[in-house]
Amino acid sequence: MAQKVTLSIPDMLYEKLSKWRESFNLSKMFQDALLEAIQKKEEFQKRIKQDFDMSEIIERLKIEKFESEKNYLEMGLHKGLEWAKRAHYEDLVYAVGFEETHNIIKDNKFNYYFNEIFNSDHLINFSQENLNQYAKKFLDGWCKGVSDFYNEVVEKLS
């Protein structure tokens, strides 16, 4: 038994189809194209299951994700330390006193600085409202770098 399916096509394509409709068996064309697309998907899924052990792939990707996030934490730590070494005293105290590290990007003093860094990195997606895991790791590292530097020098400033 055959089932009916309704399709939508753009007006421009419909106009062209109207001119050539008698030349095509649309049902057959659709069936062939759909069958080919489904077969490709099924073959791909079968290949994944046969060629790879998914649990091994997932484990490998978890490790790579952890390493990638660790790299962003370390990069943030390095940039924070670098910034702290050049910062004016009042800016340093201001940065160390920042309560919520992920909100520092919203601060007028730091917004431009972080925008410049984040815009140069294709994995960091951010907006004032939403940071991805790479941006968060970077900011965690940056704040730790600044704080570690400050804690190292604060007693020597008296």
N, C-alpha and C. Protein backbone atom coordinates (compact mmCIF):
# COMPACT_ATOMS: atom_id res chain seq x y z
N MET A 1 0.84 -1.17 0.00
CA MET A 1 0.00 0.00 0.00
C MET A 1 0.89 1.24 0.00
N ALA A 2 0.52 2.24 -0.72
CA ALA A 2 1.27 3.49 -0.81
C ALA A 2 0.63 4.53 0.11
N GLN A 3 1.48 5.37 0.68
CA GLN A 3 1.02 6.46 1.54
C GLN A 3 1.24 7.79 0.83
N LYS A 4 0.36 8.74 1.07
CA LYS A 4 0.51 10.06 0.46
C LYS A 4 1.32 10.96 1.39
N VAL A 5 2.18 11.76 0.78
CA VAL A 5 2.98 12.74 1.50
C VAL A 5 2.82 14.07 0.77
N THR A 6 2.58 15.13 1.52
CA THR A 6 2.47 16.45 0.94
C THR A 6 3.80 17.17 1.11
N LEU A 7 4.28 17.79 0.04
CA LEU A 7 5.55 18.51 0.07
C LEU A 7 5.31 19.98 -0.21
N SER A 8 6.18 20.80 0.31
CA SER A 8 6.16 22.24 0.01
C SER A 8 7.43 22.56 -0.76
N ILE A 9 7.27 23.39 -1.78
CA ILE A 9 8.44 23.84 -2.55
C ILE A 9 8.32 25.34 -2.76
N PRO A 10 9.44 26.02 -2.92
CA PRO A 10 9.39 27.47 -3.14
C PRO A 10 8.66 27.82 -4.43
N ASP A 11 8.09 29.00 -4.48
CA ASP A 11 7.32 29.45 -5.65
C ASP A 11 8.13 29.35 -6.94
N MET A 12 9.39 29.77 -6.89
CA MET A 12 10.22 29.75 -8.08
C MET A 12 10.36 28.32 -8.62
N LEU A 13 10.55 27.37 -7.74
CA LEU A 13 10.68 25.98 -8.16
C LEU A 13 9.34 25.46 -8.70
N TYR A 14 8.26 25.87 -8.09
CA TYR A 14 6.94 25.44 -8.55
C TYR A 14 6.68 25.95 -9.98
N GLU A 15 7.07 27.19 -10.25
CA GLU A 15 6.89 27.74 -11.60
C GLU A 15 7.67 26.92 -12.63
N LYS A 16 8.91 26.57 -12.28
CA LYS A 16 9.72 25.76 -13.20
C LYS A 16 9.11 24.37 -13.36
N LEU A 17 8.65 23.81 -12.25
CA LEU A 17 8.04 22.48 -12.28
C LEU A 17 6.80 22.48 -13.18
N SER A 18 6.02 23.53 -13.11
CA SER A 18 4.80 23.62 -13.91
C SER A 18 5.10 23.48 -15.40
N LYS A 19 6.24 24.02 -15.84
CA LYS A 19 6.61 23.95 -17.25
C LYS A 19 7.02 22.54 -17.65
N TRP A 20 7.59 21.76 -16.74
CA TRP A 20 8.18 20.46 -17.06
C TRP A 20 7.45 19.29 -16.41
N ARG A 21 6.36 19.51 -15.76
CA ARG A 21 5.68 18.49 -14.97
C ARG A 21 5.41 17.21 -15.76
N GLU A 22 5.04 17.33 -17.01
CA GLU A 22 4.74 16.16 -17.83
C GLU A 22 5.97 15.30 -18.08
N SER A 23 7.17 15.88 -17.94
CA SER A 23 8.42 15.16 -18.23
C SER A 23 8.91 14.34 -17.04
N PHE A 24 8.34 14.55 -15.89
CA PHE A 24 8.84 13.89 -14.69
C PHE A 24 7.80 13.01 -14.03
N ASN A 25 8.29 11.93 -13.44
CA ASN A 25 7.46 11.13 -12.53
C ASN A 25 7.89 11.57 -11.13
N LEU A 26 7.19 12.58 -10.59
CA LEU A 26 7.59 13.17 -9.32
C LEU A 26 7.59 12.16 -8.17
N SER A 27 6.63 11.28 -8.16
CA SER A 27 6.59 10.27 -7.09
C SER A 27 7.84 9.41 -7.12
N LYS A 28 8.22 8.97 -8.29
CA LYS A 28 9.40 8.12 -8.43
C LYS A 28 10.67 8.89 -8.07
N MET A 29 10.76 10.14 -8.52
CA MET A 29 11.94 10.96 -8.20
C MET A 29 12.07 11.15 -6.68
N PHE A 30 10.97 11.45 -6.02
CA PHE A 30 10.99 11.65 -4.58
C PHE A 30 11.34 10.35 -3.86
N GLN A 31 10.74 9.26 -4.30
CA GLN A 31 11.03 7.96 -3.66
C GLN A 31 12.51 7.61 -3.79
N ASP A 32 13.07 7.79 -4.97
CA ASP A 32 14.48 7.47 -5.19
C ASP A 32 15.39 8.35 -4.33
N ALA A 33 15.11 9.64 -4.31
CA ALA A 33 15.94 10.56 -3.54
C ALA A 33 15.84 10.28 -2.04
N LEU A 34 14.63 10.01 -1.58
CA LEU A 34 14.42 9.71 -0.16
C LEU A 34 15.10 8.40 0.22
N LEU A 35 14.96 7.38 -0.61
CA LEU A 35 15.59 6.09 -0.34
C LEU A 35 17.11 6.24 -0.26
N GLU A 36 17.68 7.01 -1.18
CA GLU A 36 19.13 7.22 -1.19
C GLU A 36 19.59 7.94 0.08
N ALA A 37 18.85 8.95 0.50
CA ALA A 37 19.21 9.70 1.71
C ALA A 37 19.13 8.82 2.95
N ILE A 38 18.09 8.00 3.04
CA ILE A 38 17.94 7.10 4.18
C ILE A 38 19.04 6.04 4.18
N GLN A 39 19.36 5.49 3.02
CA GLN A 39 20.43 4.50 2.94
C GLN A 39 21.78 5.08 3.37
N LYS A 40 22.05 6.31 2.99
CA LYS A 40 23.30 6.96 3.41
C LYS A 40 23.36 7.09 4.92
N LYS A 41 22.26 7.51 5.52
CA LYS A 41 22.21 7.64 6.98
C LYS A 41 22.40 6.28 7.66
N GLU A 42 21.71 5.27 7.16
CA GLU A 42 21.82 3.94 7.76
C GLU A 42 23.22 3.37 7.61
N GLU A 43 23.82 3.57 6.45
CA GLU A 43 25.20 3.10 6.23
C GLU A 43 26.17 3.81 7.16
N PHE A 44 25.98 5.09 7.34
CA PHE A 44 26.86 5.86 8.22
C PHE A 44 26.75 5.34 9.66
N GLN A 45 25.53 5.15 10.14
CA GLN A 45 25.34 4.64 11.50
C GLN A 45 25.92 3.24 11.64
N LYS A 46 25.74 2.42 10.63
CA LYS A 46 26.29 1.06 10.66
C LYS A 46 27.82 1.11 10.70
N ARG A 47 28.40 1.99 9.90
CA ARG A 47 29.86 2.12 9.86
C ARG A 47 30.40 2.56 11.22
N ILE A 48 29.72 3.50 11.85
CA ILE A 48 30.15 3.95 13.17
C ILE A 48 30.13 2.80 14.16
N LYS A 49 29.06 2.03 14.15
CA LYS A 49 28.94 0.92 15.09
C LYS A 49 29.94 -0.19 14.80
N GLN A 50 30.23 -0.43 13.54
CA GLN A 50 31.15 -1.51 13.19
C GLN A 50 32.61 -1.11 13.35
N ASP A 51 32.94 0.09 12.88
CA ASP A 51 34.33 0.50 12.84
C ASP A 51 34.88 0.94 14.19
N PHE A 52 34.04 1.40 15.06
CA PHE A 52 34.52 1.97 16.30
C PHE A 52 33.75 1.42 17.48
N ASP A 53 34.43 1.38 18.58
CA ASP A 53 33.76 1.10 19.83
C ASP A 53 33.37 2.45 20.41
N MET A 54 32.07 2.75 20.42
CA MET A 54 31.60 4.06 20.84
C MET A 54 32.05 4.42 22.25
N SER A 55 32.13 3.46 23.14
CA SER A 55 32.56 3.78 24.50
C SER A 55 34.00 4.26 24.50
N GLU A 56 34.84 3.70 23.63
CA GLU A 56 36.23 4.16 23.53
C GLU A 56 36.28 5.58 22.96
N ILE A 57 35.46 5.85 21.97
CA ILE A 57 35.42 7.18 21.37
C ILE A 57 34.97 8.20 22.41
N ILE A 58 33.93 7.88 23.13
CA ILE A 58 33.40 8.80 24.14
C ILE A 58 34.45 9.04 25.22
N GLU A 59 35.13 8.00 25.65
CA GLU A 59 36.18 8.15 26.66
C GLU A 59 37.30 9.04 26.15
N ARG A 60 37.72 8.83 24.91
CA ARG A 60 38.77 9.66 24.31
C ARG A 60 38.32 11.12 24.24
N LEU A 61 37.08 11.36 23.81
CA LEU A 61 36.58 12.73 23.70
C LEU A 61 36.45 13.40 25.06
N LYS A 62 36.10 12.64 26.09
CA LYS A 62 36.04 13.20 27.45
C LYS A 62 37.42 13.67 27.89
N ILE A 63 38.43 12.86 27.60
CA ILE A 63 39.81 13.21 27.96
C ILE A 63 40.23 14.46 27.19
N GLU A 64 39.93 14.50 25.89
CA GLU A 64 40.29 15.66 25.08
C GLU A 64 39.57 16.92 25.57
N LYS A 65 38.31 16.78 25.97
CA LYS A 65 37.55 17.91 26.49
C LYS A 65 38.19 18.41 27.78
N PHE A 66 38.54 17.50 28.66
CA PHE A 66 39.18 17.87 29.91
C PHE A 66 40.50 18.61 29.65
N GLU A 67 41.31 18.08 28.74
CA GLU A 67 42.59 18.71 28.40
C GLU A 67 42.38 20.09 27.80
N SER A 68 41.38 20.22 26.94
CA SER A 68 41.10 21.49 26.30
C SER A 68 40.69 22.53 27.35
N GLU A 69 39.80 22.14 28.24
CA GLU A 69 39.36 23.05 29.29
C GLU A 69 40.52 23.40 30.22
N LYS A 70 41.38 22.43 30.51
CA LYS A 70 42.56 22.68 31.34
C LYS A 70 43.48 23.69 30.66
N ASN A 71 43.62 23.58 29.34
CA ASN A 71 44.45 24.53 28.60
C ASN A 71 43.91 25.95 28.72
N TYR A 72 42.58 26.10 28.69
CA TYR A 72 41.99 27.43 28.82
C TYR A 72 42.18 27.97 30.23
N LEU A 73 42.11 27.11 31.23
CA LEU A 73 42.37 27.53 32.59
C LEU A 73 43.81 28.03 32.72
N GLU A 74 44.75 27.27 32.17
CA GLU A 74 46.16 27.65 32.23
C GLU A 74 46.44 28.92 31.42
N MET A 75 45.78 29.05 30.27
CA MET A 75 45.96 30.25 29.46
C MET A 75 45.44 31.47 30.24
N GLY A 76 44.31 31.33 30.90
CA GLY A 76 43.76 32.41 31.71
C GLY A 76 44.69 32.75 32.87
N LEU A 77 45.24 31.74 33.50
CA LEU A 77 46.18 31.94 34.61
C LEU A 77 47.38 32.76 34.13
N HIS A 78 47.92 32.38 32.99
CA HIS A 78 49.07 33.08 32.43
C HIS A 78 48.73 34.53 32.09
N LYS A 79 47.58 34.74 31.42
CA LYS A 79 47.17 36.10 31.04
C LYS A 79 46.87 36.95 32.28
N GLY A 80 46.27 36.34 33.30
CA GLY A 80 45.98 37.07 34.53
C GLY A 80 47.25 37.51 35.23
N LEU A 81 48.22 36.63 35.30
CA LEU A 81 49.51 36.95 35.90
C LEU A 81 50.21 38.05 35.11
N GLU A 82 50.18 37.91 33.81
CA GLU A 82 50.78 38.92 32.91
C GLU A 82 50.13 40.29 33.12
N TRP A 83 48.79 40.30 33.20
CA TRP A 83 48.07 41.55 33.43
C TRP A 83 48.43 42.14 34.78
N ALA A 84 48.44 41.31 35.82
CA ALA A 84 48.70 41.77 37.18
C ALA A 84 50.08 42.40 37.31
N LYS A 85 51.06 41.87 36.63
CA LYS A 85 52.43 42.42 36.69
C LYS A 85 52.49 43.84 36.16
N ARG A 86 51.61 44.19 35.22
CA ARG A 86 51.62 45.51 34.59
C ARG A 86 50.55 46.44 35.15
N ALA A 87 49.67 45.91 35.98
CA ALA A 87 48.51 46.69 36.43
C ALA A 87 48.92 47.77 37.43
N HIS A 88 48.15 48.86 37.43
CA HIS A 88 48.28 49.87 38.48
C HIS A 88 47.72 49.28 39.76
N TYR A 89 48.23 49.76 40.88
CA TYR A 89 47.83 49.23 42.18
C TYR A 89 46.32 49.22 42.36
N GLU A 90 45.66 50.35 42.07
CA GLU A 90 44.21 50.44 42.29
C GLU A 90 43.45 49.45 41.39
N ASP A 91 43.90 49.26 40.16
CA ASP A 91 43.26 48.29 39.26
C ASP A 91 43.45 46.87 39.77
N LEU A 92 44.63 46.61 40.30
CA LEU A 92 44.93 45.29 40.85
C LEU A 92 44.02 44.99 42.05
N VAL A 93 43.91 45.93 42.95
CA VAL A 93 43.04 45.75 44.12
C VAL A 93 41.59 45.58 43.67
N TYR A 94 41.19 46.37 42.70
CA TYR A 94 39.83 46.28 42.17
C TYR A 94 39.55 44.88 41.59
N ALA A 95 40.48 44.36 40.81
CA ALA A 95 40.31 43.05 40.18
C ALA A 95 40.28 41.95 41.23
N VAL A 96 41.14 42.03 42.23
CA VAL A 96 41.18 41.00 43.28
C VAL A 96 39.89 41.02 44.08
N GLY A 97 39.29 42.18 44.25
CA GLY A 97 38.07 42.29 45.04
C GLY A 97 36.81 41.90 44.29
N PHE A 98 36.96 41.51 43.05
CA PHE A 98 35.77 41.15 42.26
C PHE A 98 35.20 39.84 42.79
N GLU A 99 33.94 39.88 43.21
CA GLU A 99 33.33 38.73 43.89
C GLU A 99 33.02 37.56 42.95
N GLU A 100 32.30 37.81 41.89
CA GLU A 100 31.89 36.74 40.98
C GLU A 100 32.76 36.80 39.73
N THR A 101 33.68 35.85 39.61
CA THR A 101 34.69 35.92 38.55
C THR A 101 34.09 35.96 37.15
N HIS A 102 33.01 35.26 36.91
CA HIS A 102 32.45 35.22 35.56
C HIS A 102 31.77 36.53 35.17
N ASN A 103 31.44 37.35 36.16
CA ASN A 103 30.81 38.63 35.87
C ASN A 103 31.82 39.73 35.57
N ILE A 104 33.09 39.43 35.74
CA ILE A 104 34.11 40.45 35.51
C ILE A 104 34.08 40.96 34.07
N ILE A 105 33.62 40.10 33.15
CA ILE A 105 33.55 40.50 31.74
C ILE A 105 32.51 41.60 31.53
N LYS A 106 31.54 41.72 32.43
CA LYS A 106 30.51 42.75 32.32
C LYS A 106 30.99 44.10 32.83
N ASP A 107 32.09 44.10 33.58
CA ASP A 107 32.59 45.31 34.20
C ASP A 107 33.19 46.25 33.15
N ASN A 108 32.89 47.53 33.26
CA ASN A 108 33.38 48.51 32.28
C ASN A 108 34.90 48.58 32.22
N LYS A 109 35.56 48.36 33.33
CA LYS A 109 37.03 48.42 33.33
C LYS A 109 37.64 47.27 32.53
N PHE A 110 36.98 46.13 32.51
CA PHE A 110 37.59 44.93 31.92
C PHE A 110 36.93 44.46 30.63
N ASN A 111 35.77 45.00 30.31
CA ASN A 111 35.01 44.53 29.15
C ASN A 111 35.84 44.56 27.87
N TYR A 112 36.48 45.67 27.59
CA TYR A 112 37.27 45.79 26.36
C TYR A 112 38.42 44.79 26.35
N TYR A 113 39.09 44.67 27.49
CA TYR A 113 40.24 43.76 27.60
C TYR A 113 39.83 42.33 27.26
N PHE A 114 38.75 41.84 27.87
CA PHE A 114 38.32 40.46 27.62
C PHE A 114 37.72 40.27 26.23
N ASN A 115 37.00 41.28 25.75
CA ASN A 115 36.46 41.19 24.38
C ASN A 115 37.58 40.97 23.38
N GLU A 116 38.67 41.70 23.56
CA GLU A 116 39.81 41.59 22.64
C GLU A 116 40.40 40.17 22.68
N ILE A 117 40.56 39.61 23.85
CA ILE A 117 41.11 38.26 24.00
C ILE A 117 40.13 37.23 23.44
N PHE A 118 38.87 37.33 23.83
CA PHE A 118 37.89 36.33 23.46
C PHE A 118 37.58 36.35 21.96
N ASN A 119 37.59 37.52 21.36
CA ASN A 119 37.30 37.60 19.92
C ASN A 119 38.39 36.96 19.07
N SER A 120 39.56 36.78 19.64
CA SER A 120 40.65 36.17 18.88
C SER A 120 40.69 34.66 19.02
N ASP A 121 39.73 34.08 19.73
CA ASP A 121 39.72 32.63 19.97
C ASP A 121 38.43 32.01 19.45
N HIS A 122 38.55 31.06 18.54
CA HIS A 122 37.36 30.50 17.90
C HIS A 122 36.54 29.56 18.80
N LEU A 123 37.11 29.07 19.90
CA LEU A 123 36.35 28.18 20.78
C LEU A 123 35.58 28.92 21.86
N ILE A 124 35.99 30.16 22.12
CA ILE A 124 35.30 30.92 23.16
C ILE A 124 34.09 31.61 22.55
N ASN A 125 32.93 31.22 23.06
CA ASN A 125 31.68 31.89 22.69
C ASN A 125 31.20 32.62 23.92
N PHE A 126 30.90 33.89 23.78
CA PHE A 126 30.50 34.65 24.94
C PHE A 126 29.59 35.79 24.54
N SER A 127 28.83 36.19 25.48
CA SER A 127 28.07 37.43 25.41
C SER A 127 28.03 37.92 26.85
N GLN A 128 27.48 39.07 27.04
CA GLN A 128 27.41 39.60 28.41
C GLN A 128 26.58 38.68 29.31
N GLU A 129 25.64 37.95 28.73
CA GLU A 129 24.75 37.10 29.52
C GLU A 129 25.19 35.64 29.57
N ASN A 130 25.95 35.21 28.58
CA ASN A 130 26.20 33.78 28.45
C ASN A 130 27.66 33.50 28.08
N LEU A 131 28.32 32.71 28.88
CA LEU A 131 29.70 32.30 28.61
C LEU A 131 29.72 30.79 28.42
N ASN A 132 30.48 30.32 27.44
CA ASN A 132 30.61 28.87 27.31
C ASN A 132 31.70 28.38 28.27
N GLN A 133 31.92 27.06 28.30
CA GLN A 133 32.84 26.48 29.29
C GLN A 133 34.27 26.98 29.11
N TYR A 134 34.67 27.30 27.88
CA TYR A 134 36.03 27.78 27.64
C TYR A 134 36.23 29.18 28.20
N ALA A 135 35.24 30.03 28.01
CA ALA A 135 35.31 31.39 28.56
C ALA A 135 35.34 31.33 30.09
N LYS A 136 34.51 30.47 30.67
CA LYS A 136 34.48 30.35 32.13
C LYS A 136 35.81 29.85 32.68
N LYS A 137 36.38 28.84 32.04
CA LYS A 137 37.68 28.32 32.48
C LYS A 137 38.76 29.39 32.37
N PHE A 138 38.75 30.13 31.26
CA PHE A 138 39.72 31.19 31.08
C PHE A 138 39.59 32.22 32.19
N LEU A 139 38.36 32.67 32.48
CA LEU A 139 38.14 33.67 33.52
C LEU A 139 38.53 33.15 34.89
N ASP A 140 38.24 31.89 35.17
CA ASP A 140 38.66 31.29 36.45
C ASP A 140 40.18 31.36 36.58
N GLY A 141 40.88 30.99 35.52
CA GLY A 141 42.33 31.03 35.53
C GLY A 141 42.85 32.45 35.65
N TRP A 142 42.24 33.38 34.90
CA TRP A 142 42.68 34.77 34.92
C TRP A 142 42.58 35.34 36.33
N CYS A 143 41.43 35.14 36.95
CA CYS A 143 41.23 35.67 38.30
C CYS A 143 42.19 35.03 39.30
N LYS A 144 42.45 33.75 39.14
CA LYS A 144 43.41 33.06 40.02
C LYS A 144 44.81 33.62 39.81
N GLY A 145 45.21 33.86 38.57
CA GLY A 145 46.52 34.43 38.28
C GLY A 145 46.69 35.80 38.92
N VAL A 146 45.66 36.64 38.80
CA VAL A 146 45.70 37.97 39.40
C VAL A 146 45.76 37.86 40.92
N SER A 147 44.91 37.01 41.47
CA SER A 147 44.86 36.83 42.92
C SER A 147 46.17 36.26 43.47
N ASP A 148 46.71 35.27 42.81
CA ASP A 148 47.99 34.68 43.26
C ASP A 148 49.09 35.72 43.26
N PHE A 149 49.15 36.53 42.21
CA PHE A 149 50.17 37.58 42.15
C PHE A 149 49.98 38.57 43.30
N TYR A 150 48.75 39.02 43.49
CA TYR A 150 48.46 39.98 44.55
C TYR A 150 48.86 39.42 45.92
N ASN A 151 48.47 38.18 46.19
CA ASN A 151 48.79 37.57 47.48
C ASN A 151 50.30 37.44 47.69
N GLU A 152 51.03 37.30 46.63
CA GLU A 152 52.48 37.19 46.72
C GLU A 152 53.12 38.54 47.08
N VAL A 153 52.55 39.63 46.59
CA VAL A 153 53.19 40.93 46.78
C VAL A 153 52.56 41.79 47.87
N VAL A 154 51.35 41.51 48.29
CA VAL A 154 50.61 42.41 49.18
C VAL A 154 51.36 42.67 50.49
N GLU A 155 51.95 41.70 51.11
CA GLU A 155 52.66 41.90 52.38
C GLU A 155 53.93 42.73 52.20
N LYS A 156 54.49 42.68 51.02
CA LYS A 156 55.74 43.42 50.74
C LYS A 156 55.45 44.88 50.42
N LEU A 157 54.21 45.25 50.30
CA LEU A 157 53.86 46.62 49.96
C LEU A 157 53.74 47.52 51.21
N SER A 158 53.77 46.96 52.38
CA SER A 158 53.62 47.74 53.62
C SER A 158 54.87 48.51 53.95
